[in-house]
Protein backbone atom coordinates (compact mmCIF):
# COMPACT_ATOMS: atom_id res chain seq x y z
CA UNK A 1 -32.56 14.57 -23.34
CA UNK A 2 -29.49 15.76 -21.43
CA UNK A 3 -25.97 16.46 -22.98
CA UNK A 4 -24.69 12.99 -21.91
CA UNK A 5 -27.30 11.33 -24.17
CA UNK A 6 -26.90 13.46 -27.00
CA UNK A 7 -23.15 13.04 -27.11
CA UNK A 8 -21.99 9.60 -25.87
CA UNK A 9 -18.68 9.81 -27.68
CA UNK A 10 -17.87 13.04 -25.76
CA UNK A 11 -18.69 11.41 -22.57
CA UNK A 12 -16.35 8.48 -23.49
CA UNK A 13 -13.57 10.86 -24.33
CA UNK A 14 -14.09 12.57 -20.84
CA UNK A 15 -13.89 9.32 -19.06
CA UNK A 16 -10.89 8.00 -21.02
CA UNK A 17 -9.17 11.30 -20.37
CA UNK A 18 -9.97 11.17 -16.79
CA UNK A 19 -8.83 7.64 -16.34
CA UNK A 20 -5.55 8.23 -18.17
CA UNK A 21 -4.69 11.34 -15.93
CA UNK A 22 -5.47 9.23 -12.81
CA UNK A 23 -3.22 6.32 -13.98
CA UNK A 24 -0.46 8.75 -14.79
CA UNK A 25 -0.81 10.47 -11.45
CA UNK A 26 -0.70 7.15 -9.58
CA UNK A 27 2.36 5.99 -11.51
CA UNK A 28 4.24 9.40 -10.96
CA UNK A 29 3.38 9.93 -7.34
CA UNK A 30 6.56 9.31 -5.27
CA UNK A 31 6.24 6.68 -2.38
CA UNK A 32 7.14 7.97 0.89
CA UNK A 33 8.87 4.80 1.89
CA UNK A 34 10.81 4.04 -1.12
CA UNK A 35 11.23 7.71 -2.35
CA UNK A 36 10.50 6.47 -5.87
CA UNK A 37 7.59 6.55 -7.96
CA UNK A 38 5.87 3.11 -9.08
CA UNK A 39 6.62 4.23 -12.72
CA UNK A 40 10.27 4.60 -12.05
CA UNK A 41 10.17 1.06 -10.66
CA UNK A 42 8.38 -0.54 -13.54
CA UNK A 43 9.65 1.57 -16.46
CA UNK A 44 13.17 2.32 -15.26
CA UNK A 45 12.54 5.99 -16.17
CA UNK A 46 11.26 9.13 -14.56
CA UNK A 47 7.67 9.72 -15.29
CA UNK A 48 7.90 13.52 -15.81
CA UNK A 49 11.44 13.96 -17.10
CA UNK A 50 12.90 11.92 -19.91
CA UNK A 51 15.75 10.62 -17.93
CA UNK A 52 16.55 6.92 -16.91
CA UNK A 53 16.27 5.86 -13.29
CA UNK A 54 18.72 3.33 -11.80
CA UNK A 55 16.72 1.42 -8.88
CA UNK A 56 19.11 0.25 -5.93
CA UNK A 57 16.93 -2.59 -4.60
CA UNK A 58 19.34 -3.19 -1.65
CA UNK A 59 19.07 0.41 -0.51
CA UNK A 60 15.20 0.50 -0.80
CA UNK A 61 15.09 -2.92 1.18
CA UNK A 62 17.35 -1.50 3.96
CA UNK A 63 15.24 1.68 4.05
CA UNK A 64 12.01 -0.26 4.23
CA UNK A 65 13.32 -2.46 7.01
CA UNK A 66 14.55 0.58 8.90
CA UNK A 67 11.07 2.11 8.65
CA UNK A 68 9.44 -1.12 9.90
CA UNK A 69 11.71 -1.33 12.82
CA UNK A 70 10.97 2.44 13.67
CA UNK A 71 7.23 1.83 13.59
CA UNK A 72 7.66 -1.33 15.60
CA UNK A 73 9.71 0.61 18.16
CA UNK A 74 7.01 3.40 18.28
CA UNK A 75 4.21 0.73 18.84
CA UNK A 76 6.00 -1.05 21.52
CA UNK A 77 6.99 2.12 23.42
CA UNK A 78 3.27 2.66 24.22
CA UNK A 79 2.85 -0.80 25.87
CA UNK A 80 2.68 -1.26 29.63
CA UNK A 81 5.06 -3.87 31.00
CA UNK A 82 3.35 -6.75 32.96
CA UNK A 83 4.76 -9.69 34.58
CA UNK A 84 2.69 -12.78 34.73
CA UNK A 85 2.78 -14.98 37.81
CA UNK A 86 1.44 -18.46 38.59
CA UNK A 87 -2.41 -18.37 39.32
CA UNK A 88 -2.87 -14.95 37.71
CA UNK A 89 -6.17 -14.64 35.86
CA UNK A 90 -5.94 -14.02 32.08
CA UNK A 91 -8.48 -13.40 29.51
CA UNK A 92 -8.73 -16.05 26.89
CA UNK A 93 -10.70 -16.28 23.76
CA UNK A 94 -12.29 -19.67 22.67
CA UNK A 95 -12.59 -19.90 19.14
CA UNK A 96 -15.50 -21.95 17.40
CA UNK A 97 -14.46 -25.04 15.79
CA UNK A 98 -13.82 -25.04 12.03
CA UNK A 99 -17.06 -26.26 10.51
CA UNK A 100 -14.99 -27.48 7.39
CA UNK A 101 -12.58 -29.57 9.53
CA UNK A 102 -14.68 -32.66 9.50
CA UNK A 103 -15.95 -32.35 5.84
CA UNK A 104 -14.68 -35.24 3.57
């Protein structure tokens, strides 16, 4: 018999402690885009210090939109420009028909 079988309550306590610590860590980790932790969003207070947090949703939305535009710019910067003309050969995908389309 190993220790886990001898002390199931102790094992459950370790699991509960590990889960609580993990949840606390996730709720108190600061998001890189919003610069606020999920716990501060939900509970309107800091997860580490006993202070209230006021969330400016408009500022967060604007920061997120700027981040999206910046990532879009970086992604599009790597594209090679191409000018299509009549009779150019292009690669096209032919998708199979939806089998559920004709189901009653």
